[in-house]
C-alpha atoms as a PDB file:
ATOM      1  CA  MET A   1      22.637 -55.171  15.863  1.00  0.00           C
ATOM      2  CA  ALA A   2      19.921 -52.970  17.394  1.00  0.00           C
ATOM      3  CA  ILE A   3      17.799 -50.900  15.059  1.00  0.00           C
ATOM      4  CA  LYS A   4      17.134 -47.347  16.149  1.00  0.00           C
ATOM      5  CA  LEU A   5      13.411 -46.634  15.801  1.00  0.00           C
ATOM      6  CA  LYS A   6      12.469 -43.230  14.485  1.00  0.00           C
ATOM      7  CA  HIS A   7       9.126 -41.805  15.525  1.00  0.00           C
ATOM      8  CA  ARG A   8       7.711 -41.290  12.077  1.00  0.00           C
ATOM      9  CA  ASP A   9       4.060 -42.201  11.619  1.00  0.00           C
ATOM     10  CA  THR A  10       4.694 -45.727  12.893  1.00  0.00           C
ATOM     11  CA  PHE A  11       1.786 -45.372  15.301  1.00  0.00           C
ATOM     12  CA  SER A  12      -0.741 -42.559  15.542  1.00  0.00           C
ATOM     13  CA  THR A  13      -0.784 -41.898  19.294  1.00  0.00           C
ATOM     14  CA  TYR A  14       2.190 -41.153  21.529  1.00  0.00           C
ATOM     15  CA  PHE A  15       2.823 -40.437  25.186  1.00  0.00           C
ATOM     16  CA  VAL A  16       5.538 -37.757  25.147  1.00  0.00           C
ATOM     17  CA  THR A  17       7.608 -36.107  27.845  1.00  0.00           C
ATOM     18  CA  PHE A  18      10.216 -33.404  27.716  1.00  0.00           C
ATOM     19  CA  THR A  19      12.097 -31.715  30.507  1.00  0.00           C
ATOM     20  CA  PHE A  20      14.016 -28.547  31.216  1.00  0.00           C
ATOM     21  CA  ASN A  21      17.752 -28.895  31.546  1.00  0.00           C
ATOM     22  CA  GLU A  22      18.846 -29.594  35.119  1.00  0.00           C
ATOM     23  CA  TRP A  23      15.129 -29.936  35.950  1.00  0.00           C
ATOM     24  CA  LEU A  24      14.876 -26.161  36.366  1.00  0.00           C
ATOM     25  CA  PRO A  25      11.255 -25.056  36.962  1.00  0.00           C
ATOM     26  CA  LEU A  26      11.274 -22.677  33.994  1.00  0.00           C
ATOM     27  CA  PHE A  27       7.564 -22.926  33.185  1.00  0.00           C
ATOM     28  CA  GLU A  28       6.914 -21.675  36.703  1.00  0.00           C
ATOM     29  CA  ILE A  29       9.731 -19.088  36.886  1.00  0.00           C
ATOM     30  CA  THR A  30       8.739 -17.465  33.582  1.00  0.00           C
ATOM     31  CA  ASN A  31       4.997 -18.187  33.852  1.00  0.00           C
ATOM     32  CA  SER A  32       5.249 -19.872  30.456  1.00  0.00           C
ATOM     33  CA  TYR A  33       2.411 -22.354  30.692  1.00  0.00           C
ATOM     34  CA  ASP A  34       0.704 -20.406  27.910  1.00  0.00           C
ATOM     35  CA  LEU A  35       3.485 -21.426  25.520  1.00  0.00           C
ATOM     36  CA  VAL A  36       2.406 -25.051  25.790  1.00  0.00           C
ATOM     37  CA  TYR A  37      -1.230 -24.155  25.121  1.00  0.00           C
ATOM     38  CA  ASP A  38      -0.116 -22.168  22.063  1.00  0.00           C
ATOM     39  CA  TRP A  39       1.922 -25.150  20.861  1.00  0.00           C
ATOM     40  CA  PHE A  40      -1.052 -27.460  21.373  1.00  0.00           C
ATOM     41  CA  GLN A  41      -3.116 -25.136  19.187  1.00  0.00           C
ATOM     42  CA  VAL A  42      -0.420 -25.235  16.491  1.00  0.00           C
ATOM     43  CA  LEU A  43      -0.430 -29.032  16.650  1.00  0.00           C
ATOM     44  CA  ARG A  44      -4.196 -29.035  16.231  1.00  0.00           C
ATOM     45  CA  GLU A  45      -4.222 -26.597  13.313  1.00  0.00           C
ATOM     46  CA  LYS A  46      -1.042 -27.423  11.412  1.00  0.00           C
ATOM     47  CA  GLN A  47      -0.416 -31.096  12.231  1.00  0.00           C
ATOM     48  CA  ASP A  48      -4.018 -32.347  12.424  1.00  0.00           C
ATOM     49  CA  ALA A  49      -3.212 -33.613  15.911  1.00  0.00           C
ATOM     50  CA  ASP A  50      -5.333 -33.958  19.006  1.00  0.00           C
ATOM     51  CA  ILE A  51      -4.108 -33.612  22.566  1.00  0.00           C
ATOM     52  CA  ILE A  52      -5.728 -36.455  24.509  1.00  0.00           C
ATOM     53  CA  ALA A  53      -4.321 -35.622  27.946  1.00  0.00           C
ATOM     54  CA  TYR A  54      -1.651 -33.349  29.362  1.00  0.00           C
ATOM     55  CA  VAL A  55      -0.032 -31.959  32.445  1.00  0.00           C
ATOM     56  CA  ILE A  56       2.364 -29.033  32.474  1.00  0.00           C
ATOM     57  CA  MET A  57       4.573 -29.336  35.519  1.00  0.00           C
ATOM     58  CA  PRO A  58       6.934 -26.564  36.655  1.00  0.00           C
ATOM     59  CA  ASN A  59       9.906 -28.296  34.993  1.00  0.00           C
ATOM     60  CA  HIS A  60       8.498 -30.790  32.494  1.00  0.00           C
ATOM     61  CA  LEU A  61       5.564 -31.673  30.276  1.00  0.00           C
ATOM     62  CA  HIS A  62       3.644 -34.908  29.718  1.00  0.00           C
ATOM     63  CA  ALA A  63       1.139 -35.188  26.890  1.00  0.00           C
ATOM     64  CA  ILE A  64      -0.651 -37.808  24.865  1.00  0.00           C
ATOM     65  CA  ILE A  65      -0.807 -36.695  21.252  1.00  0.00           C
ATOM     66  CA  HIS A  66      -2.883 -38.386  18.571  1.00  0.00           C
ATOM     67  CA  PHE A  67      -2.096 -37.672  14.916  1.00  0.00           C
ATOM     68  CA  ASN A  68      -5.091 -37.943  12.618  1.00  0.00           C
ATOM     69  CA  SER A  69      -3.096 -37.770   9.388  1.00  0.00           C
ATOM     70  CA  VAL A  70       0.086 -39.204   7.995  1.00  0.00           C
ATOM     71  CA  PRO A  71       2.823 -38.548   7.286  1.00  0.00           C
ATOM     72  CA  PHE A  72       4.220 -36.875  10.372  1.00  0.00           C
ATOM     73  CA  ASP A  73       7.652 -36.799  11.940  1.00  0.00           C
ATOM     74  CA  LEU A  74       7.335 -36.786  15.727  1.00  0.00           C
ATOM     75  CA  ASN A  75      11.012 -35.928  16.236  1.00  0.00           C
ATOM     76  CA  THR A  76      10.681 -32.773  14.140  1.00  0.00           C
ATOM     77  CA  ILE A  77       7.341 -31.818  15.671  1.00  0.00           C
ATOM     78  CA  ILE A  78       8.648 -32.088  19.240  1.00  0.00           C
ATOM     79  CA  SER A  79      11.950 -30.395  18.368  1.00  0.00           C
ATOM     80  CA  ASN A  80      10.137 -27.453  16.787  1.00  0.00           C
ATOM     81  CA  GLY A  81       7.850 -27.109  19.815  1.00  0.00           C
ATOM     82  CA  LYS A  82      10.775 -27.216  22.225  1.00  0.00           C
ATOM     83  CA  ARG A  83      12.704 -24.647  20.152  1.00  0.00           C
ATOM     84  CA  PHE A  84       9.712 -22.274  20.092  1.00  0.00           C
ATOM     85  CA  MET A  85       9.297 -22.559  23.865  1.00  0.00           C
ATOM     86  CA  ALA A  86      13.027 -22.181  24.566  1.00  0.00           C
ATOM     87  CA  TYR A  87      13.298 -18.956  22.557  1.00  0.00           C
ATOM     88  CA  GLU A  88      10.299 -17.437  24.283  1.00  0.00           C
ATOM     89  CA  ILE A  89      11.476 -18.488  27.747  1.00  0.00           C
ATOM     90  CA  ILE A  90      14.860 -16.845  27.117  1.00  0.00           C
ATOM     91  CA  ASN A  91      13.021 -13.741  25.906  1.00  0.00           C
ATOM     92  CA  ARG A  92      10.962 -13.651  29.110  1.00  0.00           C
ATOM     93  CA  LEU A  93      14.054 -14.130  31.280  1.00  0.00           C
ATOM     94  CA  GLU A  94      15.763 -11.257  29.446  1.00  0.00           C
ATOM     95  CA  GLN A  95      12.721  -9.005  29.854  1.00  0.00           C
ATOM     96  CA  ALA A  96      12.631  -9.833  33.577  1.00  0.00           C
ATOM     97  CA  GLY A  97      16.347  -9.081  33.888  1.00  0.00           C
ATOM     98  CA  ASN A  98      17.000 -12.541  35.323  1.00  0.00           C
ATOM     99  CA  ASN A  99      20.694 -12.466  34.436  1.00  0.00           C
ATOM    100  CA  ASN A 100      21.695 -15.075  37.021  1.00  0.00           C
ATOM    101  CA  LEU A 101      19.470 -17.695  35.448  1.00  0.00           C
ATOM    102  CA  LEU A 102      20.475 -16.638  31.932  1.00  0.00           C
ATOM    103  CA  ASP A 103      24.138 -17.062  32.952  1.00  0.00           C
ATOM    104  CA  THR A 104      23.361 -20.500  34.394  1.00  0.00           C
ATOM    105  CA  LEU A 105      21.665 -21.569  31.164  1.00  0.00           C
ATOM    106  CA  GLN A 106      24.619 -20.271  29.172  1.00  0.00           C
ATOM    107  CA  GLN A 107      27.167 -22.074  31.354  1.00  0.00           C
ATOM    108  CA  GLN A 108      25.391 -25.391  30.798  1.00  0.00           C
ATOM    109  CA  LEU A 109      26.215 -25.393  27.084  1.00  0.00           C
ATOM    110  CA  THR A 110      28.705 -27.894  25.753  1.00  0.00           C
ATOM    111  CA  GLU A 111      31.573 -26.710  23.557  1.00  0.00           C
ATOM    112  CA  ARG A 112      29.868 -28.344  20.573  1.00  0.00           C
ATOM    113  CA  GLU A 113      26.641 -26.414  21.248  1.00  0.00           C
ATOM    114  CA  LYS A 114      28.581 -23.160  21.572  1.00  0.00           C
ATOM    115  CA  LYS A 115      30.317 -23.805  18.233  1.00  0.00           C
ATOM    116  CA  LYS A 116      26.894 -24.326  16.624  1.00  0.00           C
ATOM    117  CA  GLY A 117      25.881 -20.872  17.876  1.00  0.00           C
ATOM    118  CA  GLN A 118      23.556 -21.962  20.649  1.00  0.00           C
ATOM    119  CA  LEU A 119      23.378 -19.339  23.402  1.00  0.00           C
ATOM    120  CA  HIS A 120      21.520 -21.136  26.208  1.00  0.00           C
ATOM    121  CA  LYS A 121      20.731 -24.680  27.295  1.00  0.00           C
ATOM    122  CA  VAL A 122      17.019 -24.506  28.144  1.00  0.00           C
ATOM    123  CA  LEU A 123      15.638 -28.011  27.510  1.00  0.00           C
ATOM    124  CA  LYS A 124      17.229 -31.424  27.602  1.00  0.00           C
ATOM    125  CA  ASP A 125      18.143 -32.514  24.088  1.00  0.00           C
ATOM    126  CA  SER A 126      16.166 -35.710  24.178  1.00  0.00           C
ATOM    127  CA  PHE A 127      12.525 -36.389  24.813  1.00  0.00           C
ATOM    128  CA  ASP A 128      10.659 -39.524  25.703  1.00  0.00           C
ATOM    129  CA  ALA A 129       8.020 -40.927  23.365  1.00  0.00           C
ATOM    130  CA  LYS A 130       6.132 -44.151  23.831  1.00  0.00           C
ATOM    131  CA  ALA A 131       3.644 -45.426  21.290  1.00  0.00           C
ATOM    132  CA  VAL A 132       0.160 -45.910  22.688  1.00  0.00           C
ATOM    133  CA  ILE A 133      -1.051 -49.136  21.153  1.00  0.00           C
ATOM    134  CA  THR A 134      -3.448 -50.538  23.754  1.00  0.00           C
ATOM    135  CA  GLN A 135      -6.395 -49.101  25.643  1.00  0.00           C
ATOM    136  CA  ALA A 136      -4.850 -50.291  28.930  1.00  0.00           C
ATOM    137  CA  PHE A 137      -1.623 -48.390  28.254  1.00  0.00           C
ATOM    138  CA  LEU A 138      -3.591 -45.289  27.268  1.00  0.00           C
ATOM    139  CA  LEU A 139      -5.589 -45.334  30.502  1.00  0.00           C
ATOM    140  CA  GLN A 140      -2.448 -45.987  32.561  1.00  0.00           C
ATOM    141  CA  LYS A 141      -0.734 -42.946  31.013  1.00  0.00           C
ATOM    142  CA  ILE A 142      -3.790 -40.697  31.407  1.00  0.00           C
ATOM    143  CA  ASN A 143      -3.933 -41.645  35.094  1.00  0.00           C
ATOM    144  CA  TYR A 144      -0.195 -41.086  35.452  1.00  0.00           C
ATOM    145  CA  ILE A 145      -0.441 -37.673  33.793  1.00  0.00           C
ATOM    146  CA  HIS A 146      -3.384 -36.546  35.899  1.00  0.00           C
ATOM    147  CA  ASN A 147      -1.899 -37.750  39.182  1.00  0.00           C
ATOM    148  CA  ASN A 148       1.559 -36.297  38.537  1.00  0.00           C
ATOM    149  CA  PRO A 149       0.880 -32.939  40.298  1.00  0.00           C
ATOM    150  CA  VAL A 150      -0.143 -34.669  43.544  1.00  0.00           C
ATOM    151  CA  SER A 151       2.330 -37.524  43.653  1.00  0.00           C
ATOM    152  CA  GLY A 152       5.751 -37.810  45.215  1.00  0.00           C
ATOM    153  CA  LYS A 153       7.357 -34.517  46.099  1.00  0.00           C
ATOM    154  CA  TRP A 154       5.034 -32.352  44.064  1.00  0.00           C
ATOM    155  CA  MET A 155       1.794 -31.779  45.950  1.00  0.00           C
ATOM    156  CA  LEU A 156       0.908 -28.858  43.649  1.00  0.00           C
ATOM    157  CA  ALA A 157      -2.781 -29.134  44.575  1.00  0.00           C
ATOM    158  CA  LYS A 158      -4.899 -30.805  47.233  1.00  0.00           C
ATOM    159  CA  ASP A 159      -6.720 -32.838  44.599  1.00  0.00           C
ATOM    160  CA  PHE A 160      -5.392 -33.687  41.130  1.00  0.00           C
ATOM    161  CA  VAL A 161      -8.543 -32.234  39.552  1.00  0.00           C
ATOM    162  CA  GLU A 162      -7.681 -28.828  41.035  1.00  0.00           C
ATOM    163  CA  TYR A 163      -4.278 -28.553  39.353  1.00  0.00           C
ATOM    164  CA  GLU A 164      -4.629 -25.721  36.867  1.00  0.00           C
ATOM    165  CA  HIS A 165      -2.364 -26.973  34.070  1.00  0.00           C
ATOM    166  CA  SER A 166      -3.793 -30.418  33.468  1.00  0.00           C
ATOM    167  CA  SER A 167      -6.566 -32.046  31.491  1.00  0.00           C
ATOM    168  CA  ALA A 168      -7.770 -33.856  34.644  1.00  0.00           C
ATOM    169  CA  SER A 169     -10.702 -31.496  35.267  1.00  0.00           C
ATOM    170  CA  PHE A 170     -11.939 -32.115  31.718  1.00  0.00           C
ATOM    171  CA  TYR A 171     -12.076 -35.854  32.300  1.00  0.00           C
ATOM    172  CA  GLU A 172     -13.278 -35.839  35.896  1.00  0.00           C
ATOM    173  CA  ILE A 173     -15.773 -32.955  36.106  1.00  0.00           C
ATOM    174  CA  GLN A 174     -16.133 -31.856  32.458  1.00  0.00           C
ATOM    175  CA  LYS A 175     -14.514 -28.502  33.218  1.00  0.00           C
ATOM    176  CA  VAL A 176     -12.095 -26.928  30.752  1.00  0.00           C
ATOM    177  CA  LYS A 177      -9.435 -24.666  32.227  1.00  0.00           C
ATOM    178  CA  HIS A 178      -7.024 -23.594  29.477  1.00  0.00           C
ATOM    179  CA  PHE A 179      -7.140 -26.054  26.613  1.00  0.00           C
ATOM    180  CA  THR A 180      -9.809 -28.535  25.600  1.00  0.00           C
ATOM    181  CA  PRO A 181      -8.349 -31.953  24.949  1.00  0.00           C
ATOM    182  CA  LYS A 182      -9.937 -34.477  22.622  1.00  0.00           C
ATOM    183  CA  HIS A 183     -11.597 -37.170  24.706  1.00  0.00           C
ATOM    184  CA  TYR A 184      -9.904 -40.478  23.967  1.00  0.00           C
ATOM    185  CA  LEU A 185     -13.274 -42.171  23.427  1.00  0.00           C
ATOM    186  CA  ASP A 186     -13.920 -39.790  20.512  1.00  0.00           C
ATOM    187  CA  LEU A 187     -10.999 -41.120  18.479  1.00  0.00           C
END
């Protein structure tokens, strides 16, 4: 029988990803990149966590989060961050009068979610979290994160260092754009 692993202070560093439902580019549509930076600040202040690397894509987020103190419950921490962002994104859509998108997000609810009182389906329920337990894995994920805006279909910048919502410029040219990550060598 398989044991379901809960992300609860088993390891101190995690590569996490979460995505908007139906891969909608809601960070871009609502210009909500600031919500992630606010959440990072909350993680720093209230969870004694450091953001090692990040990229905020139009429809998803990748981050490497290091927790300096135990106990912590990664599932709760990510769920609370997603809930905060979802509420604010809905608020911004309402303020912009984007009723078509609000209707789409409402139509994506399951009957169970409707019965629980949920009004919109903003983010996918699940998130991905992988424990970072080796230096090689850490460097692989930092490179993946930083190259995400210029790989595949994205091409959000000419050079990955130029992408505005990433920690790449901090690592490559020591330039901070929106949020200062904690350099992984400082851990």
